């Protein structure tokens, strides 16, 4: 199953931020600044978290001009450096569309969330038990987020997390550095249509560098990965975690023209399609429904294009012709 949310037309472009708003955005503080306008900072630093939330933030932009975003406390999964979140309003979700972050140094992480934003999994869990979950999750989640020329300096958590149902995220010309106990980018279940192009991954990760977990129709092209012995891009479906049924499979992704260096000598796992196929202790936690990972723990990956990727460095030893 692969669903891609329909583009929401007519979202208003946010107005430029006023000097007073820029002054407040760049004022050191512990609480997040709610960005509802287009901020051009010309190199000024932001010493507080930034929150871009709800439909009223559609069109919001943060152009740092090379400046740094870093809150007074270390970023966590629940308190990110930059949060681009939807907000529940009764039975519907208010979501931001057409948001951009450009030319910034992000110390910590960016997290893009629809259902589940703020740490509450109740709505996501309930929706996953309905047949139309993929469409519902995509309709609730941020749409058309553009990240360009951003340097991520990870401090432990995943530097870029693209949450359930988030569609059409673009990451271009960016660099991933620092350290993550998990991955550099995580494309979560029911997300789709991301374009990850022309980036450099030179980051210490605890796992593979890009996880495509039940996410489809993404394009991961023309990137450079410095693996440090870890994996590159893994496609799978994480059945049963937190009891949430994954409906979509990691299918119809294009992973081409990337360069991998520092791959493991023994297992140069640069791109792995179908990396799990079940086998996790929690796969049975979503049992009881006739669809998605509840009915089948397999990854279900199909229709993926993996071509013209190149291995350099240590792993190129295995590709040498015998003398």
C-alpha atoms as a PDB file:
ATOM      1  CA  UNK A   1       0.000   0.000   0.000  1.00  0.00           C
ATOM      2  CA  UNK A   2       1.331   3.439  -0.908  1.00  0.00           C
ATOM      3  CA  UNK A   3      -0.595   6.662  -0.498  1.00  0.00           C
ATOM      4  CA  UNK A   4       0.647  10.176  -1.101  1.00  0.00           C
ATOM      5  CA  UNK A   5      -1.273  13.067   0.401  1.00  0.00           C
ATOM      6  CA  UNK A   6      -2.873  15.559  -1.955  1.00  0.00           C
ATOM      7  CA  UNK A   7      -1.163  18.942  -1.997  1.00  0.00           C
ATOM      8  CA  UNK A   8      -3.074  21.469   0.063  1.00  0.00           C
ATOM      9  CA  UNK A   9      -3.727  24.398  -2.250  1.00  0.00           C
ATOM     10  CA  UNK A  10      -4.075  28.012  -1.307  1.00  0.00           C
ATOM     11  CA  UNK A  11      -1.900  28.048   1.816  1.00  0.00           C
ATOM     12  CA  UNK A  12      -1.055  31.702   2.441  1.00  0.00           C
ATOM     13  CA  UNK A  13       2.559  32.809   2.311  1.00  0.00           C
ATOM     14  CA  UNK A  14       3.595  34.137   5.696  1.00  0.00           C
ATOM     15  CA  UNK A  15       4.488  37.818   5.951  1.00  0.00           C
ATOM     16  CA  UNK A  16       8.018  38.993   6.717  1.00  0.00           C
ATOM     17  CA  UNK A  17       8.833  39.155  10.415  1.00  0.00           C
ATOM     18  CA  UNK A  18       8.849  42.598  11.967  1.00  0.00           C
ATOM     19  CA  UNK A  19      11.994  43.936  13.674  1.00  0.00           C
ATOM     20  CA  UNK A  20      10.288  43.354  17.026  1.00  0.00           C
ATOM     21  CA  UNK A  21       9.597  39.723  16.148  1.00  0.00           C
ATOM     22  CA  UNK A  22      13.195  39.181  15.030  1.00  0.00           C
ATOM     23  CA  UNK A  23      14.407  40.724  18.291  1.00  0.00           C
ATOM     24  CA  UNK A  24      12.221  38.337  20.282  1.00  0.00           C
ATOM     25  CA  UNK A  25      13.270  35.341  18.172  1.00  0.00           C
ATOM     26  CA  UNK A  26      16.945  36.071  18.811  1.00  0.00           C
ATOM     27  CA  UNK A  27      16.502  36.855  22.510  1.00  0.00           C
ATOM     28  CA  UNK A  28      18.051  34.070  24.659  1.00  0.00           C
ATOM     29  CA  UNK A  29      15.308  32.105  26.390  1.00  0.00           C
ATOM     30  CA  UNK A  30      14.417  28.596  27.512  1.00  0.00           C
ATOM     31  CA  UNK A  31      10.893  28.569  26.068  1.00  0.00           C
ATOM     32  CA  UNK A  32      10.410  28.023  22.330  1.00  0.00           C
ATOM     33  CA  UNK A  33       9.687  30.955  20.048  1.00  0.00           C
ATOM     34  CA  UNK A  34       6.515  30.399  17.983  1.00  0.00           C
ATOM     35  CA  UNK A  35       7.450  31.393  14.448  1.00  0.00           C
ATOM     36  CA  UNK A  36       4.545  32.637  12.291  1.00  0.00           C
ATOM     37  CA  UNK A  37       6.449  34.770   9.794  1.00  0.00           C
ATOM     38  CA  UNK A  38       9.452  34.753   7.445  1.00  0.00           C
ATOM     39  CA  UNK A  39      12.595  35.567   9.403  1.00  0.00           C
ATOM     40  CA  UNK A  40      15.758  36.695   7.593  1.00  0.00           C
ATOM     41  CA  UNK A  41      18.438  36.857  10.298  1.00  0.00           C
ATOM     42  CA  UNK A  42      21.546  37.771   8.269  1.00  0.00           C
ATOM     43  CA  UNK A  43      23.834  35.747  10.507  1.00  0.00           C
ATOM     44  CA  UNK A  44      22.285  36.514  13.901  1.00  0.00           C
ATOM     45  CA  UNK A  45      22.132  33.504  16.229  1.00  0.00           C
ATOM     46  CA  UNK A  46      18.987  32.091  17.803  1.00  0.00           C
ATOM     47  CA  UNK A  47      19.634  31.114  21.409  1.00  0.00           C
ATOM     48  CA  UNK A  48      16.308  29.382  22.071  1.00  0.00           C
ATOM     49  CA  UNK A  49      14.206  26.559  20.544  1.00  0.00           C
ATOM     50  CA  UNK A  50      11.880  27.361  17.634  1.00  0.00           C
ATOM     51  CA  UNK A  51       8.319  26.046  17.282  1.00  0.00           C
ATOM     52  CA  UNK A  52       6.498  26.149  13.933  1.00  0.00           C
ATOM     53  CA  UNK A  53       3.065  24.708  14.678  1.00  0.00           C
ATOM     54  CA  UNK A  54      -0.386  24.593  13.165  1.00  0.00           C
ATOM     55  CA  UNK A  55      -1.955  25.996  10.019  1.00  0.00           C
ATOM     56  CA  UNK A  56      -1.307  29.552  11.169  1.00  0.00           C
ATOM     57  CA  UNK A  57       2.425  28.879  10.698  1.00  0.00           C
ATOM     58  CA  UNK A  58       2.020  27.933   7.018  1.00  0.00           C
ATOM     59  CA  UNK A  59       4.583  29.748   4.896  1.00  0.00           C
ATOM     60  CA  UNK A  60       6.860  30.410   7.862  1.00  0.00           C
ATOM     61  CA  UNK A  61      10.554  30.530   7.028  1.00  0.00           C
ATOM     62  CA  UNK A  62      13.799  30.717   8.938  1.00  0.00           C
ATOM     63  CA  UNK A  63      16.775  31.960   6.912  1.00  0.00           C
ATOM     64  CA  UNK A  64      19.659  32.223   9.347  1.00  0.00           C
ATOM     65  CA  UNK A  65      22.195  33.627   6.908  1.00  0.00           C
ATOM     66  CA  UNK A  66      24.762  31.260   8.395  1.00  0.00           C
ATOM     67  CA  UNK A  67      23.728  31.838  12.004  1.00  0.00           C
ATOM     68  CA  UNK A  68      23.311  29.187  14.679  1.00  0.00           C
ATOM     69  CA  UNK A  69      20.191  27.841  16.418  1.00  0.00           C
ATOM     70  CA  UNK A  70      20.934  26.395  19.852  1.00  0.00           C
ATOM     71  CA  UNK A  71      18.755  26.395  22.936  1.00  0.00           C
ATOM     72  CA  UNK A  72      20.132  26.791  26.452  1.00  0.00           C
ATOM     73  CA  UNK A  73      19.592  23.078  27.120  1.00  0.00           C
ATOM     74  CA  UNK A  74      20.520  20.010  25.083  1.00  0.00           C
ATOM     75  CA  UNK A  75      17.920  19.056  22.498  1.00  0.00           C
ATOM     76  CA  UNK A  76      15.927  15.873  23.116  1.00  0.00           C
ATOM     77  CA  UNK A  77      13.311  13.944  21.158  1.00  0.00           C
ATOM     78  CA  UNK A  78      10.553  15.780  23.065  1.00  0.00           C
ATOM     79  CA  UNK A  79      12.222  19.196  23.173  1.00  0.00           C
ATOM     80  CA  UNK A  80      13.848  19.643  19.754  1.00  0.00           C
ATOM     81  CA  UNK A  81      15.895  22.571  18.542  1.00  0.00           C
ATOM     82  CA  UNK A  82      13.358  23.198  15.766  1.00  0.00           C
ATOM     83  CA  UNK A  83       9.886  21.623  15.977  1.00  0.00           C
ATOM     84  CA  UNK A  84       7.604  21.638  12.927  1.00  0.00           C
ATOM     85  CA  UNK A  85       4.412  20.191  14.350  1.00  0.00           C
ATOM     86  CA  UNK A  86       0.730  19.727  13.715  1.00  0.00           C
ATOM     87  CA  UNK A  87      -1.800  20.357  16.470  1.00  0.00           C
ATOM     88  CA  UNK A  88      -5.052  18.477  17.170  1.00  0.00           C
ATOM     89  CA  UNK A  89      -8.185  20.605  17.171  1.00  0.00           C
ATOM     90  CA  UNK A  90     -11.110  18.436  18.108  1.00  0.00           C
ATOM     91  CA  UNK A  91     -11.489  15.755  15.453  1.00  0.00           C
ATOM     92  CA  UNK A  92      -9.166  17.427  12.921  1.00  0.00           C
ATOM     93  CA  UNK A  93      -5.516  18.416  12.762  1.00  0.00           C
ATOM     94  CA  UNK A  94      -4.152  21.878  12.123  1.00  0.00           C
ATOM     95  CA  UNK A  95      -0.936  21.454  10.164  1.00  0.00           C
ATOM     96  CA  UNK A  96       1.717  23.797   8.789  1.00  0.00           C
ATOM     97  CA  UNK A  97       2.496  23.636   5.063  1.00  0.00           C
ATOM     98  CA  UNK A  98       5.211  25.242   2.933  1.00  0.00           C
ATOM     99  CA  UNK A  99       7.702  25.790   5.752  1.00  0.00           C
ATOM    100  CA  UNK A 100      11.425  26.325   5.133  1.00  0.00           C
ATOM    101  CA  UNK A 101      14.634  26.324   7.151  1.00  0.00           C
ATOM    102  CA  UNK A 102      17.659  27.602   5.261  1.00  0.00           C
ATOM    103  CA  UNK A 103      21.343  28.409   5.780  1.00  0.00           C
ATOM    104  CA  UNK A 104      21.341  27.581   9.495  1.00  0.00           C
ATOM    105  CA  UNK A 105      23.601  25.672  11.851  1.00  0.00           C
ATOM    106  CA  UNK A 106      21.236  23.532  13.923  1.00  0.00           C
ATOM    107  CA  UNK A 107      22.810  22.322  17.159  1.00  0.00           C
ATOM    108  CA  UNK A 108      20.648  19.353  18.103  1.00  0.00           C
ATOM    109  CA  UNK A 109      17.737  18.357  15.901  1.00  0.00           C
ATOM    110  CA  UNK A 110      14.741  19.156  13.719  1.00  0.00           C
ATOM    111  CA  UNK A 111      11.621  17.078  14.279  1.00  0.00           C
ATOM    112  CA  UNK A 112       8.658  17.132  11.899  1.00  0.00           C
ATOM    113  CA  UNK A 113       5.554  15.585  13.441  1.00  0.00           C
ATOM    114  CA  UNK A 114       1.870  15.123  12.680  1.00  0.00           C
ATOM    115  CA  UNK A 115       0.031  12.562  14.801  1.00  0.00           C
ATOM    116  CA  UNK A 116       2.102  11.938  17.909  1.00  0.00           C
ATOM    117  CA  UNK A 117       3.546  15.467  18.105  1.00  0.00           C
ATOM    118  CA  UNK A 118       4.625  16.363  21.606  1.00  0.00           C
ATOM    119  CA  UNK A 119       4.999  12.742  22.673  1.00  0.00           C
ATOM    120  CA  UNK A 120       1.346  11.642  22.869  1.00  0.00           C
ATOM    121  CA  UNK A 121       0.929   8.446  20.851  1.00  0.00           C
ATOM    122  CA  UNK A 122      -2.760   7.979  21.622  1.00  0.00           C
ATOM    123  CA  UNK A 123      -4.112   9.435  18.358  1.00  0.00           C
ATOM    124  CA  UNK A 124      -1.492   7.670  16.245  1.00  0.00           C
ATOM    125  CA  UNK A 125      -2.198   4.328  17.925  1.00  0.00           C
ATOM    126  CA  UNK A 126      -5.966   4.649  17.495  1.00  0.00           C
ATOM    127  CA  UNK A 127      -5.702   5.724  13.861  1.00  0.00           C
ATOM    128  CA  UNK A 128      -3.406   2.823  13.025  1.00  0.00           C
ATOM    129  CA  UNK A 129      -6.232   0.444  13.909  1.00  0.00           C
ATOM    130  CA  UNK A 130      -8.355   1.752  11.029  1.00  0.00           C
ATOM    131  CA  UNK A 131      -8.054   0.754   7.377  1.00  0.00           C
ATOM    132  CA  UNK A 132      -7.578   4.329   6.171  1.00  0.00           C
ATOM    133  CA  UNK A 133      -4.697   5.124   8.481  1.00  0.00           C
ATOM    134  CA  UNK A 134      -2.121   6.097   5.838  1.00  0.00           C
ATOM    135  CA  UNK A 135      -4.411   8.736   4.337  1.00  0.00           C
ATOM    136  CA  UNK A 136      -5.406  10.000   7.779  1.00  0.00           C
ATOM    137  CA  UNK A 137      -1.806  10.272   8.960  1.00  0.00           C
ATOM    138  CA  UNK A 138      -0.717  12.103   5.815  1.00  0.00           C
ATOM    139  CA  UNK A 139      -3.649  14.501   6.016  1.00  0.00           C
ATOM    140  CA  UNK A 140      -2.722  15.359   9.609  1.00  0.00           C
ATOM    141  CA  UNK A 141       0.997  15.892   9.111  1.00  0.00           C
ATOM    142  CA  UNK A 142       3.133  18.836   7.923  1.00  0.00           C
ATOM    143  CA  UNK A 143       3.455  19.108   4.151  1.00  0.00           C
ATOM    144  CA  UNK A 144       6.159  20.604   1.933  1.00  0.00           C
ATOM    145  CA  UNK A 145       8.895  21.289   4.462  1.00  0.00           C
ATOM    146  CA  UNK A 146      12.099  22.478   2.781  1.00  0.00           C
ATOM    147  CA  UNK A 147      15.492  22.220   4.466  1.00  0.00           C
ATOM    148  CA  UNK A 148      18.318  23.751   2.473  1.00  0.00           C
ATOM    149  CA  UNK A 149      21.982  24.405   3.260  1.00  0.00           C
ATOM    150  CA  UNK A 150      21.590  23.443   6.902  1.00  0.00           C
ATOM    151  CA  UNK A 151      24.469  22.105   8.949  1.00  0.00           C
ATOM    152  CA  UNK A 152      23.182  19.645  11.541  1.00  0.00           C
ATOM    153  CA  UNK A 153      25.445  19.278  14.563  1.00  0.00           C
ATOM    154  CA  UNK A 154      23.884  16.283  16.267  1.00  0.00           C
ATOM    155  CA  UNK A 155      24.239  15.925  20.032  1.00  0.00           C
ATOM    156  CA  UNK A 156      22.904  12.399  20.542  1.00  0.00           C
ATOM    157  CA  UNK A 157      19.335  12.342  19.250  1.00  0.00           C
ATOM    158  CA  UNK A 158      18.415  11.818  15.588  1.00  0.00           C
ATOM    159  CA  UNK A 159      19.236  15.146  13.919  1.00  0.00           C
ATOM    160  CA  UNK A 160      16.370  14.962  11.390  1.00  0.00           C
ATOM    161  CA  UNK A 161      13.236  12.993  12.200  1.00  0.00           C
ATOM    162  CA  UNK A 162      10.404  12.928   9.639  1.00  0.00           C
ATOM    163  CA  UNK A 163       7.392  11.637  11.507  1.00  0.00           C
ATOM    164  CA  UNK A 164       4.388   9.489  10.605  1.00  0.00           C
ATOM    165  CA  UNK A 165       2.497  10.769   7.579  1.00  0.00           C
ATOM    166  CA  UNK A 166       4.805  13.692   6.810  1.00  0.00           C
ATOM    167  CA  UNK A 167       4.923  14.220   3.038  1.00  0.00           C
ATOM    168  CA  UNK A 168       7.129  16.023   0.530  1.00  0.00           C
ATOM    169  CA  UNK A 169      10.033  16.941   2.776  1.00  0.00           C
ATOM    170  CA  UNK A 170      13.040  18.265   0.854  1.00  0.00           C
ATOM    171  CA  UNK A 171      16.596  18.169   2.219  1.00  0.00           C
ATOM    172  CA  UNK A 172      19.215  19.659  -0.095  1.00  0.00           C
ATOM    173  CA  UNK A 173      22.782  20.909   0.146  1.00  0.00           C
ATOM    174  CA  UNK A 174      23.005  20.111   3.850  1.00  0.00           C
ATOM    175  CA  UNK A 175      25.628  18.508   6.096  1.00  0.00           C
ATOM    176  CA  UNK A 176      25.094  16.029   8.932  1.00  0.00           C
ATOM    177  CA  UNK A 177      27.852  16.085  11.560  1.00  0.00           C
ATOM    178  CA  UNK A 178      28.282  15.311  15.254  1.00  0.00           C
ATOM    179  CA  UNK A 179      26.927  12.108  16.772  1.00  0.00           C
ATOM    180  CA  UNK A 180      23.622  10.259  16.951  1.00  0.00           C
ATOM    181  CA  UNK A 181      22.895   7.190  19.032  1.00  0.00           C
ATOM    182  CA  UNK A 182      20.527   6.125  16.250  1.00  0.00           C
ATOM    183  CA  UNK A 183      20.432   7.404  12.637  1.00  0.00           C
ATOM    184  CA  UNK A 184      21.102  10.709  10.869  1.00  0.00           C
ATOM    185  CA  UNK A 185      17.679  10.788   9.144  1.00  0.00           C
ATOM    186  CA  UNK A 186      14.643   8.733  10.081  1.00  0.00           C
ATOM    187  CA  UNK A 187      11.693   8.557   7.669  1.00  0.00           C
ATOM    188  CA  UNK A 188       8.920   7.073   9.770  1.00  0.00           C
ATOM    189  CA  UNK A 189       5.866   5.036   8.850  1.00  0.00           C
ATOM    190  CA  UNK A 190       3.290   6.420   6.419  1.00  0.00           C
ATOM    191  CA  UNK A 191       5.596   9.276   5.396  1.00  0.00           C
ATOM    192  CA  UNK A 192       6.229   9.711   1.679  1.00  0.00           C
ATOM    193  CA  UNK A 193       7.664  11.782  -1.118  1.00  0.00           C
ATOM    194  CA  UNK A 194      10.825  13.040   0.575  1.00  0.00           C
ATOM    195  CA  UNK A 195      13.720  14.236  -1.566  1.00  0.00           C
ATOM    196  CA  UNK A 196      17.167  13.931   0.030  1.00  0.00           C
ATOM    197  CA  UNK A 197      19.600  15.278  -2.530  1.00  0.00           C
ATOM    198  CA  UNK A 198      23.140  16.594  -2.610  1.00  0.00           C
ATOM    199  CA  UNK A 199      23.887  16.251   1.108  1.00  0.00           C
ATOM    200  CA  UNK A 200      26.995  15.160   3.018  1.00  0.00           C
ATOM    201  CA  UNK A 201      26.665  12.637   5.855  1.00  0.00           C
ATOM    202  CA  UNK A 202      29.815  12.765   7.973  1.00  0.00           C
ATOM    203  CA  UNK A 203      28.314  11.820  11.308  1.00  0.00           C
ATOM    204  CA  UNK A 204      28.937   9.129  13.916  1.00  0.00           C
ATOM    205  CA  UNK A 205      25.787   7.016  14.169  1.00  0.00           C
ATOM    206  CA  UNK A 206      24.845   4.059  16.303  1.00  0.00           C
ATOM    207  CA  UNK A 207      23.018   2.451  13.399  1.00  0.00           C
ATOM    208  CA  UNK A 208      22.590   2.980   9.665  1.00  0.00           C
ATOM    209  CA  UNK A 209      22.630   6.592   8.532  1.00  0.00           C
ATOM    210  CA  UNK A 210      19.201   6.765   6.866  1.00  0.00           C
ATOM    211  CA  UNK A 211      16.242   4.649   8.001  1.00  0.00           C
ATOM    212  CA  UNK A 212      13.287   4.263   5.628  1.00  0.00           C
ATOM    213  CA  UNK A 213      10.706   2.687   7.945  1.00  0.00           C
ATOM    214  CA  UNK A 214       7.450   2.039   6.114  1.00  0.00           C
ATOM    215  CA  UNK A 215       8.065   5.189   4.070  1.00  0.00           C
ATOM    216  CA  UNK A 216       7.502   5.282   0.316  1.00  0.00           C
ATOM    217  CA  UNK A 217       8.176   7.120  -2.936  1.00  0.00           C
ATOM    218  CA  UNK A 218      11.249   8.889  -1.561  1.00  0.00           C
ATOM    219  CA  UNK A 219      14.268   9.997  -3.630  1.00  0.00           C
ATOM    220  CA  UNK A 220      17.700   9.661  -2.006  1.00  0.00           C
ATOM    221  CA  UNK A 221      20.100  10.775  -4.701  1.00  0.00           C
ATOM    222  CA  UNK A 222      23.535  12.329  -5.195  1.00  0.00           C
ATOM    223  CA  UNK A 223      24.525  12.239  -1.526  1.00  0.00           C
ATOM    224  CA  UNK A 224      27.900  11.447   0.006  1.00  0.00           C
ATOM    225  CA  UNK A 225      28.001   9.096   3.013  1.00  0.00           C
ATOM    226  CA  UNK A 226      31.016   8.625   5.293  1.00  0.00           C
ATOM    227  CA  UNK A 227      29.920   5.431   7.024  1.00  0.00           C
ATOM    228  CA  UNK A 228      32.599   4.758   9.612  1.00  0.00           C
ATOM    229  CA  UNK A 229      31.815   1.043   9.359  1.00  0.00           C
ATOM    230  CA  UNK A 230      28.064   1.516   9.864  1.00  0.00           C
ATOM    231  CA  UNK A 231      25.289   0.909   7.366  1.00  0.00           C
ATOM    232  CA  UNK A 232      24.058   3.371   4.769  1.00  0.00           C
ATOM    233  CA  UNK A 233      20.374   3.392   3.761  1.00  0.00           C
ATOM    234  CA  UNK A 234      18.116   0.661   5.185  1.00  0.00           C
ATOM    235  CA  UNK A 235      14.555  -0.001   4.007  1.00  0.00           C
ATOM    236  CA  UNK A 236      12.235  -1.920   6.304  1.00  0.00           C
ATOM    237  CA  UNK A 237       8.923  -1.851   8.180  1.00  0.00           C
ATOM    238  CA  UNK A 238       9.234  -1.781  11.960  1.00  0.00           C
ATOM    239  CA  UNK A 239       6.329  -4.064  12.785  1.00  0.00           C
ATOM    240  CA  UNK A 240       4.564  -3.687  16.117  1.00  0.00           C
ATOM    241  CA  UNK A 241       6.715  -1.080  17.857  1.00  0.00           C
ATOM    242  CA  UNK A 242       4.629   0.733  20.509  1.00  0.00           C
ATOM    243  CA  UNK A 243       1.661  -1.298  19.261  1.00  0.00           C
ATOM    244  CA  UNK A 244       1.272   0.996  16.237  1.00  0.00           C
ATOM    245  CA  UNK A 245       0.319  -0.841  13.041  1.00  0.00           C
ATOM    246  CA  UNK A 246       2.484   0.146  10.075  1.00  0.00           C
ATOM    247  CA  UNK A 247       0.265   0.163   6.998  1.00  0.00           C
ATOM    248  CA  UNK A 248       2.584   1.394   4.279  1.00  0.00           C
ATOM    249  CA  UNK A 249       5.559  -0.572   3.018  1.00  0.00           C
ATOM    250  CA  UNK A 250       9.008   0.857   2.136  1.00  0.00           C
ATOM    251  CA  UNK A 251       8.252   0.768  -1.577  1.00  0.00           C
ATOM    252  CA  UNK A 252       8.868   2.762  -4.766  1.00  0.00           C
ATOM    253  CA  UNK A 253      11.879   4.544  -3.349  1.00  0.00           C
ATOM    254  CA  UNK A 254      14.726   5.692  -5.585  1.00  0.00           C
ATOM    255  CA  UNK A 255      18.236   5.413  -4.128  1.00  0.00           C
ATOM    256  CA  UNK A 256      20.694   6.294  -6.869  1.00  0.00           C
ATOM    257  CA  UNK A 257      23.979   8.037  -7.647  1.00  0.00           C
ATOM    258  CA  UNK A 258      25.186   8.167  -4.043  1.00  0.00           C
ATOM    259  CA  UNK A 259      28.801   7.754  -2.934  1.00  0.00           C
ATOM    260  CA  UNK A 260      29.624   5.651   0.142  1.00  0.00           C
ATOM    261  CA  UNK A 261      33.028   5.630   1.840  1.00  0.00           C
ATOM    262  CA  UNK A 262      34.220   3.907   4.991  1.00  0.00           C
ATOM    263  CA  UNK A 263      31.979   0.875   4.567  1.00  0.00           C
ATOM    264  CA  UNK A 264      32.707  -2.232   6.622  1.00  0.00           C
ATOM    265  CA  UNK A 265      35.203  -4.622   5.022  1.00  0.00           C
ATOM    266  CA  UNK A 266      33.218  -7.722   5.882  1.00  0.00           C
ATOM    267  CA  UNK A 267      29.672  -6.412   5.378  1.00  0.00           C
ATOM    268  CA  UNK A 268      29.619  -3.232   3.277  1.00  0.00           C
ATOM    269  CA  UNK A 269      25.905  -2.690   3.782  1.00  0.00           C
ATOM    270  CA  UNK A 270      25.453   0.510   1.836  1.00  0.00           C
ATOM    271  CA  UNK A 271      21.821   0.039   0.729  1.00  0.00           C
ATOM    272  CA  UNK A 272      19.753  -2.778   2.214  1.00  0.00           C
ATOM    273  CA  UNK A 273      16.228  -3.369   0.908  1.00  0.00           C
ATOM    274  CA  UNK A 274      14.160  -5.462   3.324  1.00  0.00           C
ATOM    275  CA  UNK A 275      16.526  -5.013   6.275  1.00  0.00           C
ATOM    276  CA  UNK A 276      14.346  -6.596   8.968  1.00  0.00           C
ATOM    277  CA  UNK A 277      11.537  -8.859   7.685  1.00  0.00           C
ATOM    278  CA  UNK A 278      10.067  -9.029  11.181  1.00  0.00           C
ATOM    279  CA  UNK A 279      12.176 -10.762  13.796  1.00  0.00           C
ATOM    280  CA  UNK A 280      11.748  -8.099  16.496  1.00  0.00           C
ATOM    281  CA  UNK A 281      10.477  -9.008  19.944  1.00  0.00           C
ATOM    282  CA  UNK A 282       7.671  -6.433  19.692  1.00  0.00           C
ATOM    283  CA  UNK A 283       6.316  -7.504  16.272  1.00  0.00           C
ATOM    284  CA  UNK A 284       3.351  -9.175  17.951  1.00  0.00           C
ATOM    285  CA  UNK A 285       2.366  -6.032  19.856  1.00  0.00           C
ATOM    286  CA  UNK A 286       0.121  -4.889  16.978  1.00  0.00           C
ATOM    287  CA  UNK A 287      -1.624  -8.238  16.454  1.00  0.00           C
ATOM    288  CA  UNK A 288      -5.347  -8.614  15.864  1.00  0.00           C
ATOM    289  CA  UNK A 289      -6.182  -6.521  12.775  1.00  0.00           C
ATOM    290  CA  UNK A 290      -6.442  -7.700   9.156  1.00  0.00           C
ATOM    291  CA  UNK A 291      -4.108  -5.150   7.581  1.00  0.00           C
ATOM    292  CA  UNK A 292      -0.578  -3.773   7.551  1.00  0.00           C
ATOM    293  CA  UNK A 293       2.066  -5.110   9.870  1.00  0.00           C
ATOM    294  CA  UNK A 294      -0.652  -6.600  12.077  1.00  0.00           C
ATOM    295  CA  UNK A 295      -1.420  -9.103   9.315  1.00  0.00           C
ATOM    296  CA  UNK A 296       2.145  -9.504   7.998  1.00  0.00           C
ATOM    297  CA  UNK A 297       5.384  -8.799   9.872  1.00  0.00           C
ATOM    298  CA  UNK A 298       7.397  -8.725   6.635  1.00  0.00           C
ATOM    299  CA  UNK A 299       8.893  -5.541   5.230  1.00  0.00           C
ATOM    300  CA  UNK A 300       6.975  -5.836   1.932  1.00  0.00           C
ATOM    301  CA  UNK A 301       9.518  -3.713   0.076  1.00  0.00           C
ATOM    302  CA  UNK A 302       8.855  -3.611  -3.671  1.00  0.00           C
ATOM    303  CA  UNK A 303       9.373  -1.420  -6.682  1.00  0.00           C
ATOM    304  CA  UNK A 304      12.507   0.222  -5.285  1.00  0.00           C
ATOM    305  CA  UNK A 305      15.228   1.457  -7.635  1.00  0.00           C
ATOM    306  CA  UNK A 306      18.799   1.083  -6.363  1.00  0.00           C
ATOM    307  CA  UNK A 307      21.349   1.983  -9.047  1.00  0.00           C
ATOM    308  CA  UNK A 308      24.627   3.722  -9.828  1.00  0.00           C
ATOM    309  CA  UNK A 309      25.708   3.987  -6.204  1.00  0.00           C
ATOM    310  CA  UNK A 310      29.475   3.891  -5.720  1.00  0.00           C
ATOM    311  CA  UNK A 311      31.654   2.552  -2.915  1.00  0.00           C
ATOM    312  CA  UNK A 312      34.961   4.265  -2.200  1.00  0.00           C
ATOM    313  CA  UNK A 313      37.613   3.808   0.439  1.00  0.00           C
ATOM    314  CA  UNK A 314      38.010   0.559   2.375  1.00  0.00           C
ATOM    315  CA  UNK A 315      35.161  -1.328   0.746  1.00  0.00           C
ATOM    316  CA  UNK A 316      36.512  -0.667  -2.764  1.00  0.00           C
ATOM    317  CA  UNK A 317      39.090  -3.380  -2.012  1.00  0.00           C
ATOM    318  CA  UNK A 318      36.444  -6.011  -2.664  1.00  0.00           C
ATOM    319  CA  UNK A 319      35.681  -4.535  -6.070  1.00  0.00           C
ATOM    320  CA  UNK A 320      39.226  -4.779  -7.436  1.00  0.00           C
ATOM    321  CA  UNK A 321      39.853  -7.169 -10.295  1.00  0.00           C
ATOM    322  CA  UNK A 322      42.414  -9.926  -9.576  1.00  0.00           C
ATOM    323  CA  UNK A 323      45.883  -9.323 -11.002  1.00  0.00           C
END
